[in-house]
Protein backbone atom coordinates (compact mmCIF):
# COMPACT_ATOMS: atom_id res chain seq x y z
CA MET A 1 -8.06 23.28 -0.23
CA ASN A 2 -10.99 21.91 1.72
CA PRO A 3 -9.67 18.95 3.80
CA SER A 4 -12.70 16.85 2.82
CA MET A 5 -11.69 17.29 -0.85
CA GLU A 6 -8.03 16.42 -0.29
CA LYS A 7 -6.85 13.43 -2.34
CA ARG A 8 -4.26 10.99 -1.00
CA ALA A 9 -2.18 8.24 -2.59
CA VAL A 10 -1.84 5.31 -0.20
CA HIS A 11 1.24 3.14 -0.85
CA ILE A 12 1.27 -0.29 0.78
CA ILE A 13 4.33 -2.54 0.60
CA THR A 14 3.86 -6.24 1.33
CA ARG A 15 5.63 -9.54 0.88
CA ALA A 16 4.99 -11.22 -2.47
CA GLY A 17 1.85 -13.32 -2.55
CA PHE A 18 -0.19 -11.17 -0.18
CA ALA A 19 -1.43 -8.45 -2.57
CA ASP A 20 -4.91 -9.92 -3.05
CA GLU A 21 -5.45 -10.15 0.70
CA VAL A 22 -4.16 -6.60 1.21
CA VAL A 23 -6.42 -5.22 -1.55
CA LYS A 24 -9.44 -6.91 0.10
CA VAL A 25 -8.56 -5.20 3.40
CA ALA A 26 -8.14 -1.82 1.65
CA ARG A 27 -11.43 -2.16 -0.25
CA LYS A 28 -13.31 -3.14 2.90
CA ALA A 29 -11.91 0.03 4.54
CA GLY A 30 -13.23 2.18 1.68
CA ALA A 31 -10.63 2.18 -1.11
CA GLY A 32 -12.26 2.02 -4.52
CA GLY A 33 -9.53 0.17 -6.36
CA ALA A 34 -5.85 -0.56 -6.46
CA THR A 35 -2.84 -0.97 -8.70
CA ILE A 36 -0.41 -3.78 -7.86
CA ILE A 37 3.26 -3.54 -8.79
CA ASN A 38 5.80 -6.37 -8.46
CA ALA A 39 9.02 -5.24 -6.80
CA ARG A 40 12.02 -6.39 -4.83
CA GLY A 41 13.29 -4.92 -1.62
CA GLU A 42 16.47 -4.67 0.34
CA GLY A 43 16.55 -3.40 3.89
CA ARG A 44 19.47 -2.71 6.17
CA ARG A 45 20.14 -6.44 6.33
CA HIS A 46 20.14 -8.65 3.27
CA GLU A 47 20.80 -12.35 2.98
CA LEU A 48 23.67 -13.98 1.16
CA PHE A 49 23.59 -17.56 -0.05
CA LEU A 50 26.83 -18.94 -1.48
CA GLY A 51 28.01 -15.38 -2.04
CA ILE A 52 24.84 -14.40 -3.96
CA THR A 53 22.53 -11.70 -2.61
CA ILE A 54 18.97 -12.96 -2.19
CA ASP A 55 16.47 -10.20 -2.93
CA SER A 56 13.21 -10.26 -1.09
CA GLU A 57 10.21 -10.21 -3.43
CA LYS A 58 7.63 -7.52 -2.68
CA GLU A 59 4.35 -6.21 -4.03
CA ILE A 60 3.36 -2.55 -3.88
CA ILE A 61 -0.31 -1.65 -3.79
CA LEU A 62 -1.29 1.89 -4.78
CA CYS A 63 -4.73 3.35 -3.93
CA LEU A 64 -6.16 6.83 -4.55
CA THR A 65 -8.60 7.98 -1.86
CA ASP A 66 -9.82 11.03 -0.01
CA ALA A 67 -8.00 12.01 3.19
CA ALA A 68 -10.53 10.45 5.59
CA THR A 69 -10.57 7.15 3.71
CA SER A 70 -6.76 7.03 3.59
CA ILE A 71 -6.70 7.06 7.40
CA LYS A 72 -9.24 4.21 7.54
CA VAL A 73 -7.30 2.19 4.96
CA MET A 74 -4.00 2.63 6.78
CA GLN A 75 -5.55 1.69 10.14
CA ALA A 76 -7.09 -1.45 8.62
CA ILE A 77 -3.76 -2.38 7.02
CA GLN A 78 -1.95 -1.95 10.35
CA GLU A 79 -4.52 -3.99 12.28
CA GLN A 80 -5.13 -6.84 9.81
CA VAL A 81 -2.00 -7.26 7.67
CA GLY A 82 0.57 -5.09 9.44
CA ILE A 83 4.26 -5.52 10.10
CA ASP A 84 3.68 -8.22 12.75
CA THR A 85 1.67 -10.49 10.40
CA PRO A 86 2.87 -12.85 7.66
CA ALA A 87 2.00 -10.17 5.05
CA HIS A 88 4.47 -7.83 6.80
CA CYS A 89 2.84 -4.66 5.38
CA ILE A 90 3.98 -1.12 5.79
CA ALA A 91 1.90 1.78 4.47
CA TYR A 92 2.19 5.50 3.98
CA SER A 93 0.19 8.16 2.19
CA ILE A 94 1.14 11.27 0.27
CA PRO A 95 -0.97 14.20 -0.93
CA VAL A 96 -2.09 14.28 -4.56
CA GLU A 97 -2.58 17.66 -6.21
CA ASP A 98 -3.98 16.75 -9.62
CA ILE A 99 -5.50 13.67 -11.21
CA VAL A 100 -6.26 13.05 -14.88
CA GLY A 101 -7.71 10.03 -16.61
CA ILE A 102 -10.14 8.95 -13.89
CA ASP A 103 -13.01 10.49 -11.98
CA LEU A 104 -12.76 9.66 -8.29
CA ASN A 105 -15.85 11.66 -7.33
CA LEU A 106 -14.33 12.23 -3.90
């Protein structure tokens, strides 16, 4: 496949309440749209309060882009809302072979 035609799914995980800000950063970097999913996360360390596990609320933002745009989106996420910011974002991308239901015109 031609690298310029390669599609990527960018997954961005952020603390709850930061999805709108993260989507703005992704759009400014070239993403056309996003899907936001509410989630909860548990890392290596989790907090207990009175014997009850406290889950950390998360939001997952999914974007479909071309390969070049996925790099720009991930760089913008790292620089503006990355792990060392209050949004505490991490991002990764995976290749997408087929898409139905939408026309990305990538």
